[in-house]
Amino acid sequence: MTTADPASTVKVVRSELRLQALDFWLRNPDYLADELVSKVVAGDLPESYLDVATHLLDDPEPDLRWYPMPRWHFGAYEAIDDAFAVLEAYGLALLRRLGGIVKAARSQFFLTTSGQAAVVNLADEPRLSWYVKQVKLVALVAGDDLGSALKRRQYEQAEYARTELGVDIAPIADGVRGRLKELRTAAKEGSRQ
């Protein structure tokens, strides 16, 4: 946050590219699970996150929340203006566009103090708390990476990369289950030696 940011805002995402990448992982738990597996393999997360990845794949909740996104020139994309307008109408978030009238150079998305309070309330709501937990995992795998870096990571998935423009990006749950099985088999064999 900077002094130039709107008053009563507490968090900001300064790139629509980053927001779209985060939204993709939120809406596609199998891709999020694969990111967790990759972070465990790289040594960035403890092995206990393999169980979290398995849960993302096997728990019925993610299937209920799965909401595919189409692929466009810069990866997974869906217009967010309508959804963000609802958040703005209730004072939960603000959207600011920098640049000219014809073309915005940058979009910035701000969470207000009211929005932050709503998140706390969501965490206590049994039917909606899933989103709060999921967002924490998305933030964990995204870290501080720029939107371009997040999109690059998403394009490393063959299924994602080969999806035709305008077509929903297909799930990868079976491939992630295969990775998890291989890792667990290797761990068992390693413990026997």
N, C-alpha and C. Protein backbone atom coordinates (compact mmCIF):
# COMPACT_ATOMS: atom_id res chain seq x y z
N MET A 1 0.84 -1.18 0.00
CA MET A 1 0.00 0.00 0.00
C MET A 1 0.89 1.25 0.00
N THR A 2 0.41 2.26 -0.70
CA THR A 2 1.13 3.52 -0.75
C THR A 2 0.20 4.65 -0.32
N THR A 3 0.76 5.82 -0.11
CA THR A 3 -0.06 6.97 0.29
C THR A 3 -0.98 7.42 -0.85
N ALA A 4 -0.68 7.04 -2.08
CA ALA A 4 -1.53 7.41 -3.21
C ALA A 4 -2.75 6.49 -3.36
N ASP A 5 -2.76 5.39 -2.64
CA ASP A 5 -3.89 4.46 -2.73
C ASP A 5 -5.13 5.04 -2.05
N PRO A 6 -6.31 4.61 -2.47
CA PRO A 6 -7.54 5.14 -1.86
C PRO A 6 -7.58 4.91 -0.35
N ALA A 7 -8.16 5.87 0.33
CA ALA A 7 -8.32 5.75 1.79
C ALA A 7 -9.20 4.55 2.11
N SER A 8 -9.03 4.00 3.25
CA SER A 8 -9.78 2.85 3.78
C SER A 8 -9.60 1.59 2.95
N THR A 9 -8.47 1.48 2.26
CA THR A 9 -8.14 0.22 1.60
C THR A 9 -6.97 -0.41 2.33
N VAL A 10 -6.98 -1.76 2.38
CA VAL A 10 -5.99 -2.46 3.19
C VAL A 10 -5.08 -3.40 2.40
N LYS A 11 -5.51 -3.80 1.23
CA LYS A 11 -4.71 -4.69 0.38
C LYS A 11 -4.93 -4.29 -1.07
N VAL A 12 -3.94 -4.64 -1.91
CA VAL A 12 -4.05 -4.29 -3.32
C VAL A 12 -3.41 -5.36 -4.19
N VAL A 13 -4.02 -5.59 -5.33
CA VAL A 13 -3.41 -6.36 -6.41
C VAL A 13 -3.26 -5.36 -7.54
N ARG A 14 -2.04 -5.10 -7.95
CA ARG A 14 -1.76 -4.02 -8.90
C ARG A 14 -1.69 -4.48 -10.36
N SER A 15 -2.21 -5.63 -10.64
CA SER A 15 -2.14 -6.15 -12.01
C SER A 15 -3.31 -7.07 -12.29
N GLU A 16 -4.03 -6.81 -13.37
CA GLU A 16 -5.12 -7.70 -13.74
C GLU A 16 -4.57 -9.07 -14.15
N LEU A 17 -3.39 -9.10 -14.75
CA LEU A 17 -2.78 -10.36 -15.14
C LEU A 17 -2.58 -11.24 -13.90
N ARG A 18 -2.10 -10.65 -12.82
CA ARG A 18 -1.91 -11.41 -11.58
C ARG A 18 -3.27 -11.86 -11.03
N LEU A 19 -4.25 -10.97 -11.03
CA LEU A 19 -5.56 -11.32 -10.51
C LEU A 19 -6.19 -12.46 -11.31
N GLN A 20 -6.03 -12.44 -12.63
CA GLN A 20 -6.57 -13.51 -13.46
C GLN A 20 -5.88 -14.85 -13.14
N ALA A 21 -4.57 -14.81 -12.93
CA ALA A 21 -3.83 -16.03 -12.59
C ALA A 21 -4.29 -16.58 -11.23
N LEU A 22 -4.46 -15.70 -10.27
CA LEU A 22 -4.94 -16.13 -8.95
C LEU A 22 -6.34 -16.71 -9.05
N ASP A 23 -7.20 -16.05 -9.81
CA ASP A 23 -8.57 -16.51 -10.00
C ASP A 23 -8.59 -17.90 -10.64
N PHE A 24 -7.69 -18.14 -11.58
CA PHE A 24 -7.63 -19.46 -12.22
C PHE A 24 -7.35 -20.55 -11.19
N TRP A 25 -6.37 -20.35 -10.32
CA TRP A 25 -6.07 -21.36 -9.31
C TRP A 25 -7.21 -21.53 -8.31
N LEU A 26 -7.88 -20.45 -7.99
CA LEU A 26 -9.01 -20.55 -7.07
C LEU A 26 -10.11 -21.41 -7.68
N ARG A 27 -10.36 -21.23 -8.94
CA ARG A 27 -11.46 -21.91 -9.62
C ARG A 27 -11.11 -23.30 -10.15
N ASN A 28 -9.83 -23.65 -10.14
CA ASN A 28 -9.38 -24.93 -10.67
C ASN A 28 -8.49 -25.63 -9.64
N PRO A 29 -9.09 -26.29 -8.66
CA PRO A 29 -8.33 -26.90 -7.57
C PRO A 29 -7.28 -27.92 -8.02
N ASP A 30 -7.50 -28.57 -9.17
CA ASP A 30 -6.50 -29.53 -9.63
C ASP A 30 -5.20 -28.84 -10.03
N TYR A 31 -5.29 -27.69 -10.67
CA TYR A 31 -4.08 -26.93 -11.01
C TYR A 31 -3.41 -26.39 -9.75
N LEU A 32 -4.22 -25.99 -8.77
CA LEU A 32 -3.67 -25.54 -7.49
C LEU A 32 -2.95 -26.69 -6.79
N ALA A 33 -3.56 -27.87 -6.81
CA ALA A 33 -2.94 -29.05 -6.20
C ALA A 33 -1.60 -29.34 -6.86
N ASP A 34 -1.54 -29.22 -8.19
CA ASP A 34 -0.29 -29.48 -8.89
C ASP A 34 0.79 -28.47 -8.50
N GLU A 35 0.40 -27.23 -8.30
CA GLU A 35 1.37 -26.22 -7.84
C GLU A 35 1.91 -26.57 -6.46
N LEU A 36 1.03 -27.05 -5.58
CA LEU A 36 1.48 -27.46 -4.24
C LEU A 36 2.47 -28.61 -4.35
N VAL A 37 2.17 -29.59 -5.21
CA VAL A 37 3.07 -30.73 -5.41
C VAL A 37 4.43 -30.23 -5.92
N SER A 38 4.41 -29.34 -6.88
CA SER A 38 5.66 -28.80 -7.42
C SER A 38 6.47 -28.08 -6.36
N LYS A 39 5.80 -27.35 -5.48
CA LYS A 39 6.51 -26.65 -4.42
C LYS A 39 7.10 -27.62 -3.40
N VAL A 40 6.42 -28.73 -3.14
CA VAL A 40 6.97 -29.75 -2.25
C VAL A 40 8.21 -30.38 -2.90
N VAL A 41 8.10 -30.73 -4.17
CA VAL A 41 9.22 -31.34 -4.89
C VAL A 41 10.43 -30.41 -4.90
N ALA A 42 10.17 -29.11 -5.06
CA ALA A 42 11.26 -28.13 -5.09
C ALA A 42 11.84 -27.84 -3.70
N GLY A 43 11.19 -28.36 -2.65
CA GLY A 43 11.66 -28.12 -1.29
C GLY A 43 11.17 -26.82 -0.69
N ASP A 44 10.21 -26.18 -1.36
CA ASP A 44 9.68 -24.91 -0.87
C ASP A 44 8.58 -25.08 0.17
N LEU A 45 7.96 -26.26 0.20
CA LEU A 45 6.90 -26.56 1.17
C LEU A 45 7.17 -27.92 1.78
N PRO A 46 6.73 -28.14 3.02
CA PRO A 46 6.91 -29.45 3.66
C PRO A 46 6.04 -30.52 2.99
N GLU A 47 6.43 -31.77 3.16
CA GLU A 47 5.72 -32.90 2.55
C GLU A 47 4.26 -32.98 2.97
N SER A 48 3.90 -32.39 4.09
CA SER A 48 2.50 -32.44 4.54
C SER A 48 1.57 -31.79 3.51
N TYR A 49 2.11 -30.95 2.65
CA TYR A 49 1.27 -30.33 1.62
C TYR A 49 0.87 -31.31 0.53
N LEU A 50 1.49 -32.48 0.48
CA LEU A 50 1.01 -33.51 -0.44
C LEU A 50 -0.37 -33.98 -0.01
N ASP A 51 -0.60 -34.03 1.30
CA ASP A 51 -1.94 -34.38 1.80
C ASP A 51 -2.96 -33.30 1.45
N VAL A 52 -2.52 -32.06 1.51
CA VAL A 52 -3.41 -30.94 1.14
C VAL A 52 -3.76 -31.06 -0.34
N ALA A 53 -2.77 -31.38 -1.17
CA ALA A 53 -3.02 -31.54 -2.61
C ALA A 53 -3.99 -32.69 -2.86
N THR A 54 -3.81 -33.79 -2.15
CA THR A 54 -4.72 -34.93 -2.28
C THR A 54 -6.13 -34.53 -1.89
N HIS A 55 -6.24 -33.79 -0.81
CA HIS A 55 -7.55 -33.32 -0.35
C HIS A 55 -8.23 -32.44 -1.42
N LEU A 56 -7.44 -31.58 -2.06
CA LEU A 56 -8.01 -30.73 -3.11
C LEU A 56 -8.58 -31.56 -4.25
N LEU A 57 -7.98 -32.70 -4.52
CA LEU A 57 -8.43 -33.55 -5.61
C LEU A 57 -9.59 -34.47 -5.22
N ASP A 58 -9.58 -34.94 -3.98
CA ASP A 58 -10.52 -35.99 -3.58
C ASP A 58 -11.73 -35.51 -2.80
N ASP A 59 -11.63 -34.37 -2.16
CA ASP A 59 -12.77 -33.85 -1.41
C ASP A 59 -13.84 -33.37 -2.38
N PRO A 60 -15.10 -33.65 -2.12
CA PRO A 60 -16.15 -33.21 -3.06
C PRO A 60 -16.29 -31.69 -3.16
N GLU A 61 -15.86 -30.98 -2.15
CA GLU A 61 -16.01 -29.52 -2.14
C GLU A 61 -15.37 -28.85 -3.35
N PRO A 62 -14.11 -29.15 -3.68
CA PRO A 62 -13.53 -28.49 -4.85
C PRO A 62 -14.31 -28.76 -6.14
N ASP A 63 -14.85 -29.97 -6.30
CA ASP A 63 -15.64 -30.24 -7.50
C ASP A 63 -16.88 -29.35 -7.57
N LEU A 64 -17.45 -29.06 -6.41
CA LEU A 64 -18.62 -28.19 -6.38
C LEU A 64 -18.23 -26.76 -6.74
N ARG A 65 -17.01 -26.37 -6.44
CA ARG A 65 -16.55 -25.00 -6.68
C ARG A 65 -15.80 -24.85 -8.01
N TRP A 66 -15.51 -25.97 -8.70
CA TRP A 66 -14.76 -25.91 -9.94
C TRP A 66 -15.54 -25.09 -10.95
N TYR A 67 -14.88 -24.12 -11.52
CA TYR A 67 -15.52 -23.22 -12.47
C TYR A 67 -14.50 -22.89 -13.55
N PRO A 68 -14.56 -23.60 -14.68
CA PRO A 68 -13.50 -23.46 -15.68
C PRO A 68 -13.40 -22.05 -16.26
N MET A 69 -12.21 -21.77 -16.77
CA MET A 69 -11.95 -20.48 -17.42
C MET A 69 -11.48 -20.75 -18.84
N PRO A 70 -11.87 -19.91 -19.78
CA PRO A 70 -11.38 -20.07 -21.14
C PRO A 70 -9.96 -19.52 -21.28
N ARG A 71 -9.23 -20.04 -22.25
CA ARG A 71 -7.88 -19.55 -22.53
C ARG A 71 -7.96 -18.51 -23.65
N TRP A 72 -7.28 -17.41 -23.43
CA TRP A 72 -7.14 -16.38 -24.45
C TRP A 72 -5.66 -16.13 -24.68
N HIS A 73 -5.30 -15.07 -25.33
CA HIS A 73 -3.91 -14.83 -25.73
C HIS A 73 -2.93 -14.81 -24.55
N PHE A 74 -3.36 -14.31 -23.42
CA PHE A 74 -2.46 -14.23 -22.26
C PHE A 74 -2.82 -15.25 -21.19
N GLY A 75 -3.45 -16.34 -21.60
CA GLY A 75 -3.80 -17.39 -20.66
C GLY A 75 -5.25 -17.34 -20.22
N ALA A 76 -5.51 -17.97 -19.08
CA ALA A 76 -6.87 -18.02 -18.55
C ALA A 76 -7.37 -16.60 -18.32
N TYR A 77 -8.56 -16.34 -18.83
CA TYR A 77 -9.09 -14.98 -18.72
C TYR A 77 -10.61 -15.01 -18.71
N GLU A 78 -11.17 -14.19 -17.87
CA GLU A 78 -12.61 -13.94 -17.88
C GLU A 78 -12.83 -12.50 -17.43
N ALA A 79 -13.70 -11.81 -18.12
CA ALA A 79 -13.99 -10.42 -17.76
C ALA A 79 -14.44 -10.36 -16.31
N ILE A 80 -13.88 -9.42 -15.57
CA ILE A 80 -14.18 -9.34 -14.14
C ILE A 80 -14.96 -8.10 -13.75
N ASP A 81 -15.25 -7.26 -14.73
CA ASP A 81 -15.91 -5.99 -14.41
C ASP A 81 -17.24 -6.17 -13.69
N ASP A 82 -18.08 -7.10 -14.15
CA ASP A 82 -19.38 -7.29 -13.51
C ASP A 82 -19.24 -7.77 -12.07
N ALA A 83 -18.37 -8.76 -11.87
CA ALA A 83 -18.16 -9.28 -10.51
C ALA A 83 -17.60 -8.21 -9.60
N PHE A 84 -16.65 -7.45 -10.13
CA PHE A 84 -16.05 -6.40 -9.31
C PHE A 84 -17.04 -5.28 -9.02
N ALA A 85 -17.95 -5.02 -9.94
CA ALA A 85 -18.97 -3.99 -9.73
C ALA A 85 -19.84 -4.33 -8.51
N VAL A 86 -20.13 -5.60 -8.32
CA VAL A 86 -20.92 -6.02 -7.16
C VAL A 86 -20.13 -5.74 -5.88
N LEU A 87 -18.85 -6.08 -5.87
CA LEU A 87 -18.02 -5.82 -4.70
C LEU A 87 -17.95 -4.32 -4.41
N GLU A 88 -17.81 -3.52 -5.46
CA GLU A 88 -17.77 -2.05 -5.29
C GLU A 88 -19.10 -1.52 -4.77
N ALA A 89 -20.20 -2.05 -5.26
CA ALA A 89 -21.52 -1.58 -4.85
C ALA A 89 -21.72 -1.75 -3.35
N TYR A 90 -21.14 -2.79 -2.78
CA TYR A 90 -21.27 -3.04 -1.35
C TYR A 90 -20.12 -2.46 -0.55
N GLY A 91 -19.22 -1.74 -1.20
CA GLY A 91 -18.11 -1.11 -0.50
C GLY A 91 -17.04 -2.07 -0.03
N LEU A 92 -16.97 -3.25 -0.65
CA LEU A 92 -16.01 -4.26 -0.23
C LEU A 92 -14.68 -4.16 -0.95
N ALA A 93 -14.70 -3.57 -2.13
CA ALA A 93 -13.48 -3.46 -2.93
C ALA A 93 -13.61 -2.28 -3.88
N LEU A 94 -12.47 -1.87 -4.43
CA LEU A 94 -12.43 -0.77 -5.40
C LEU A 94 -11.56 -1.18 -6.57
N LEU A 95 -11.95 -0.75 -7.75
CA LEU A 95 -11.17 -0.95 -8.96
C LEU A 95 -10.75 0.41 -9.46
N ARG A 96 -9.47 0.55 -9.72
CA ARG A 96 -8.94 1.81 -10.27
C ARG A 96 -8.14 1.48 -11.52
N ARG A 97 -8.40 2.21 -12.58
CA ARG A 97 -7.65 2.01 -13.82
C ARG A 97 -6.78 3.22 -14.06
N LEU A 98 -5.53 2.96 -14.36
CA LEU A 98 -4.58 4.02 -14.67
C LEU A 98 -4.35 4.02 -16.18
N GLY A 99 -4.12 5.19 -16.74
CA GLY A 99 -3.86 5.27 -18.17
C GLY A 99 -4.86 6.17 -18.85
N GLY A 100 -4.93 6.03 -20.15
CA GLY A 100 -5.78 6.89 -20.95
C GLY A 100 -7.22 6.43 -21.03
N ILE A 101 -8.02 7.22 -21.72
CA ILE A 101 -9.44 6.92 -21.88
C ILE A 101 -9.63 5.74 -22.83
N VAL A 102 -8.86 5.71 -23.90
CA VAL A 102 -9.02 4.66 -24.90
C VAL A 102 -8.51 3.32 -24.38
N LYS A 103 -7.37 3.33 -23.74
CA LYS A 103 -6.79 2.08 -23.25
C LYS A 103 -6.21 2.29 -21.86
N ALA A 104 -6.70 1.49 -20.92
CA ALA A 104 -6.15 1.54 -19.57
C ALA A 104 -4.78 0.86 -19.57
N ALA A 105 -3.82 1.51 -18.99
CA ALA A 105 -2.47 0.94 -18.93
C ALA A 105 -2.35 -0.09 -17.81
N ARG A 106 -3.15 0.08 -16.77
CA ARG A 106 -3.05 -0.82 -15.63
C ARG A 106 -4.32 -0.75 -14.79
N SER A 107 -4.74 -1.91 -14.33
CA SER A 107 -5.87 -1.98 -13.41
C SER A 107 -5.33 -2.35 -12.04
N GLN A 108 -5.89 -1.73 -11.01
CA GLN A 108 -5.51 -2.02 -9.63
C GLN A 108 -6.78 -2.37 -8.86
N PHE A 109 -6.68 -3.38 -8.02
CA PHE A 109 -7.83 -3.90 -7.29
C PHE A 109 -7.55 -3.79 -5.80
N PHE A 110 -8.40 -3.05 -5.11
CA PHE A 110 -8.19 -2.75 -3.69
C PHE A 110 -9.25 -3.42 -2.83
N LEU A 111 -8.81 -3.98 -1.73
CA LEU A 111 -9.72 -4.50 -0.71
C LEU A 111 -9.91 -3.41 0.33
N THR A 112 -11.15 -3.11 0.66
CA THR A 112 -11.43 -2.08 1.66
C THR A 112 -11.46 -2.70 3.06
N THR A 113 -11.51 -1.84 4.06
CA THR A 113 -11.62 -2.35 5.43
C THR A 113 -12.93 -3.13 5.60
N SER A 114 -13.98 -2.67 4.94
CA SER A 114 -15.26 -3.41 4.98
C SER A 114 -15.12 -4.77 4.32
N GLY A 115 -14.38 -4.82 3.22
CA GLY A 115 -14.13 -6.09 2.55
C GLY A 115 -13.32 -7.04 3.42
N GLN A 116 -12.34 -6.50 4.12
CA GLN A 116 -11.54 -7.32 5.02
C GLN A 116 -12.41 -7.88 6.15
N ALA A 117 -13.31 -7.08 6.67
CA ALA A 117 -14.23 -7.55 7.71
C ALA A 117 -15.16 -8.65 7.15
N ALA A 118 -15.57 -8.49 5.90
CA ALA A 118 -16.43 -9.50 5.27
C ALA A 118 -15.69 -10.83 5.13
N VAL A 119 -14.39 -10.77 4.85
CA VAL A 119 -13.59 -11.99 4.74
C VAL A 119 -13.55 -12.71 6.09
N VAL A 120 -13.40 -11.96 7.16
CA VAL A 120 -13.39 -12.55 8.50
C VAL A 120 -14.73 -13.24 8.76
N ASN A 121 -15.81 -12.60 8.37
CA ASN A 121 -17.14 -13.20 8.55
C ASN A 121 -17.31 -14.44 7.69
N LEU A 122 -16.76 -14.43 6.47
CA LEU A 122 -16.85 -15.60 5.60
C LEU A 122 -16.16 -16.81 6.23
N ALA A 123 -15.07 -16.56 6.92
CA ALA A 123 -14.32 -17.66 7.53
C ALA A 123 -15.16 -18.40 8.56
N ASP A 124 -16.12 -17.72 9.15
CA ASP A 124 -16.98 -18.33 10.17
C ASP A 124 -18.26 -18.92 9.58
N GLU A 125 -18.48 -18.72 8.30
CA GLU A 125 -19.70 -19.20 7.64
C GLU A 125 -19.43 -20.59 7.04
N PRO A 126 -20.09 -21.62 7.54
CA PRO A 126 -19.77 -22.99 7.10
C PRO A 126 -19.79 -23.20 5.58
N ARG A 127 -20.73 -22.63 4.88
CA ARG A 127 -20.84 -22.86 3.44
C ARG A 127 -19.87 -22.02 2.62
N LEU A 128 -19.35 -20.96 3.19
CA LEU A 128 -18.48 -20.07 2.44
C LEU A 128 -17.03 -20.08 2.91
N SER A 129 -16.75 -20.70 4.04
CA SER A 129 -15.38 -20.70 4.58
C SER A 129 -14.39 -21.39 3.64
N TRP A 130 -14.91 -22.25 2.77
CA TRP A 130 -14.04 -22.92 1.80
C TRP A 130 -13.23 -21.90 1.01
N TYR A 131 -13.86 -20.79 0.62
CA TYR A 131 -13.17 -19.79 -0.20
C TYR A 131 -11.99 -19.16 0.55
N VAL A 132 -12.16 -18.91 1.81
CA VAL A 132 -11.09 -18.31 2.60
C VAL A 132 -9.90 -19.26 2.65
N LYS A 133 -10.17 -20.54 2.91
CA LYS A 133 -9.09 -21.53 2.95
C LYS A 133 -8.40 -21.66 1.60
N GLN A 134 -9.20 -21.68 0.55
CA GLN A 134 -8.65 -21.83 -0.79
C GLN A 134 -7.79 -20.63 -1.18
N VAL A 135 -8.24 -19.43 -0.83
CA VAL A 135 -7.48 -18.23 -1.15
C VAL A 135 -6.13 -18.25 -0.44
N LYS A 136 -6.08 -18.76 0.77
CA LYS A 136 -4.80 -18.86 1.48
C LYS A 136 -3.83 -19.78 0.74
N LEU A 137 -4.34 -20.88 0.19
CA LEU A 137 -3.49 -21.78 -0.59
C LEU A 137 -3.03 -21.12 -1.89
N VAL A 138 -3.94 -20.40 -2.52
CA VAL A 138 -3.58 -19.68 -3.76
C VAL A 138 -2.48 -18.66 -3.46
N ALA A 139 -2.63 -17.92 -2.38
CA ALA A 139 -1.60 -16.93 -2.01
C ALA A 139 -0.28 -17.62 -1.70
N LEU A 140 -0.33 -18.79 -1.10
CA LEU A 140 0.89 -19.53 -0.78
C LEU A 140 1.64 -19.93 -2.05
N VAL A 141 0.92 -20.45 -3.04
CA VAL A 141 1.63 -20.89 -4.26
C VAL A 141 2.04 -19.70 -5.13
N ALA A 142 1.30 -18.61 -5.06
CA ALA A 142 1.63 -17.44 -5.89
C ALA A 142 2.80 -16.65 -5.32
N GLY A 143 2.87 -16.59 -4.01
CA GLY A 143 3.92 -15.79 -3.38
C GLY A 143 3.84 -14.35 -3.86
N ASP A 144 4.98 -13.73 -4.07
CA ASP A 144 5.03 -12.36 -4.54
C ASP A 144 5.29 -12.25 -6.04
N ASP A 145 5.17 -13.36 -6.74
CA ASP A 145 5.45 -13.35 -8.17
C ASP A 145 4.52 -12.40 -8.93
N LEU A 146 5.06 -11.78 -9.95
CA LEU A 146 4.28 -10.93 -10.83
C LEU A 146 3.32 -11.78 -11.65
N GLY A 147 2.31 -11.14 -12.20
CA GLY A 147 1.33 -11.85 -13.01
C GLY A 147 1.97 -12.60 -14.17
N SER A 148 2.96 -12.00 -14.81
CA SER A 148 3.62 -12.66 -15.94
C SER A 148 4.30 -13.95 -15.50
N ALA A 149 4.90 -13.97 -14.33
CA ALA A 149 5.55 -15.18 -13.81
C ALA A 149 4.52 -16.25 -13.48
N LEU A 150 3.38 -15.83 -12.91
CA LEU A 150 2.32 -16.79 -12.59
C LEU A 150 1.76 -17.41 -13.86
N LYS A 151 1.53 -16.59 -14.87
CA LYS A 151 1.02 -17.10 -16.15
C LYS A 151 2.04 -18.05 -16.79
N ARG A 152 3.30 -17.72 -16.69
CA ARG A 152 4.35 -18.59 -17.24
C ARG A 152 4.29 -19.96 -16.56
N ARG A 153 4.12 -19.97 -15.25
CA ARG A 153 3.99 -21.24 -14.53
C ARG A 153 2.76 -22.00 -14.98
N GLN A 154 1.67 -21.30 -15.21
CA GLN A 154 0.45 -21.98 -15.66
C GLN A 154 0.64 -22.56 -17.06
N TYR A 155 1.36 -21.85 -17.92
CA TYR A 155 1.63 -22.35 -19.27
C TYR A 155 2.56 -23.55 -19.28
N GLU A 156 3.24 -23.83 -18.20
CA GLU A 156 4.09 -25.02 -18.13
C GLU A 156 3.25 -26.30 -18.14
N GLN A 157 1.98 -26.17 -17.81
CA GLN A 157 1.05 -27.30 -17.89
C GLN A 157 0.69 -27.51 -19.36
N ALA A 158 0.98 -28.71 -19.88
CA ALA A 158 0.72 -28.99 -21.30
C ALA A 158 -0.76 -28.81 -21.64
N GLU A 159 -1.63 -29.27 -20.77
CA GLU A 159 -3.07 -29.17 -21.04
C GLU A 159 -3.50 -27.71 -21.16
N TYR A 160 -2.98 -26.89 -20.30
CA TYR A 160 -3.26 -25.46 -20.31
C TYR A 160 -2.73 -24.83 -21.60
N ALA A 161 -1.48 -25.12 -21.91
CA ALA A 161 -0.81 -24.49 -23.05
C ALA A 161 -1.43 -24.88 -24.39
N ARG A 162 -1.89 -26.12 -24.52
CA ARG A 162 -2.41 -26.55 -25.81
C ARG A 162 -3.91 -26.29 -25.99
N THR A 163 -4.55 -25.70 -24.99
CA THR A 163 -5.96 -25.37 -25.12
C THR A 163 -6.12 -24.30 -26.19
N GLU A 164 -7.07 -24.51 -27.09
CA GLU A 164 -7.32 -23.54 -28.15
C GLU A 164 -7.92 -22.25 -27.57
N LEU A 165 -7.68 -21.15 -28.25
CA LEU A 165 -8.22 -19.86 -27.81
C LEU A 165 -9.74 -19.93 -27.73
N GLY A 166 -10.28 -19.41 -26.64
CA GLY A 166 -11.72 -19.35 -26.44
C GLY A 166 -12.34 -20.61 -25.88
N VAL A 167 -11.55 -21.65 -25.66
CA VAL A 167 -12.04 -22.92 -25.14
C VAL A 167 -11.68 -23.02 -23.66
N ASP A 168 -12.58 -23.61 -22.87
CA ASP A 168 -12.29 -23.80 -21.44
C ASP A 168 -11.07 -24.69 -21.25
N ILE A 169 -10.23 -24.32 -20.33
CA ILE A 169 -9.03 -25.08 -20.02
C ILE A 169 -9.45 -26.36 -19.29
N ALA A 170 -9.00 -27.50 -19.82
CA ALA A 170 -9.42 -28.80 -19.31
C ALA A 170 -8.76 -29.12 -17.97
N PRO A 171 -9.40 -29.95 -17.16
CA PRO A 171 -8.83 -30.36 -15.88
C PRO A 171 -7.61 -31.26 -16.06
N ILE A 172 -6.79 -31.33 -15.00
CA ILE A 172 -5.58 -32.16 -14.99
C ILE A 172 -5.54 -33.07 -13.76
N ALA A 173 -6.68 -33.29 -13.14
CA ALA A 173 -6.73 -34.04 -11.87
C ALA A 173 -6.06 -35.40 -11.98
N ASP A 174 -6.30 -36.14 -13.07
CA ASP A 174 -5.71 -37.48 -13.19
C ASP A 174 -4.18 -37.41 -13.22
N GLY A 175 -3.63 -36.44 -13.93
CA GLY A 175 -2.18 -36.28 -13.98
C GLY A 175 -1.60 -35.93 -12.62
N VAL A 176 -2.29 -35.11 -11.87
CA VAL A 176 -1.81 -34.73 -10.53
C VAL A 176 -1.87 -35.93 -9.60
N ARG A 177 -2.93 -36.72 -9.71
CA ARG A 177 -3.01 -37.95 -8.91
C ARG A 177 -1.84 -38.87 -9.23
N GLY A 178 -1.49 -38.94 -10.51
CA GLY A 178 -0.34 -39.75 -10.92
C GLY A 178 0.95 -39.27 -10.30
N ARG A 179 1.16 -37.95 -10.30
CA ARG A 179 2.36 -37.38 -9.66
C ARG A 179 2.40 -37.72 -8.18
N LEU A 180 1.26 -37.57 -7.51
CA LEU A 180 1.19 -37.86 -6.08
C LEU A 180 1.51 -39.34 -5.82
N LYS A 181 0.96 -40.22 -6.63
CA LYS A 181 1.20 -41.66 -6.47
C LYS A 181 2.69 -41.96 -6.64
N GLU A 182 3.31 -41.39 -7.66
CA GLU A 182 4.75 -41.59 -7.88
C GLU A 182 5.58 -41.11 -6.70
N LEU A 183 5.24 -39.95 -6.18
CA LEU A 183 5.99 -39.40 -5.05
C LEU A 183 5.84 -40.29 -3.81
N ARG A 184 4.63 -40.76 -3.57
CA ARG A 184 4.40 -41.61 -2.39
C ARG A 184 5.09 -42.96 -2.56
N THR A 185 5.07 -43.50 -3.78
CA THR A 185 5.75 -44.78 -4.04
C THR A 185 7.26 -44.60 -3.82
N ALA A 186 7.81 -43.54 -4.34
CA ALA A 186 9.25 -43.28 -4.18
C ALA A 186 9.60 -43.10 -2.71
N ALA A 187 8.73 -42.43 -1.95
CA ALA A 187 8.98 -42.23 -0.52
C ALA A 187 8.96 -43.55 0.24
N LYS A 188 8.03 -44.43 -0.12
CA LYS A 188 7.95 -45.75 0.53
C LYS A 188 9.20 -46.58 0.22
N GLU A 189 9.61 -46.55 -1.04
CA GLU A 189 10.79 -47.32 -1.44
C GLU A 189 12.03 -46.77 -0.75
N GLY A 190 12.11 -45.44 -0.62
CA GLY A 190 13.23 -44.82 0.07
C GLY A 190 13.28 -45.16 1.54
N SER A 191 12.12 -45.30 2.17
CA SER A 191 12.09 -45.63 3.60
C SER A 191 12.43 -47.10 3.85
N ARG A 192 12.26 -47.97 2.86
CA ARG A 192 12.59 -49.39 3.01
C ARG A 192 14.09 -49.63 2.93
N GLN A 193 14.81 -48.73 2.31
CA GLN A 193 16.25 -48.93 2.11
C GLN A 193 17.05 -48.57 3.32
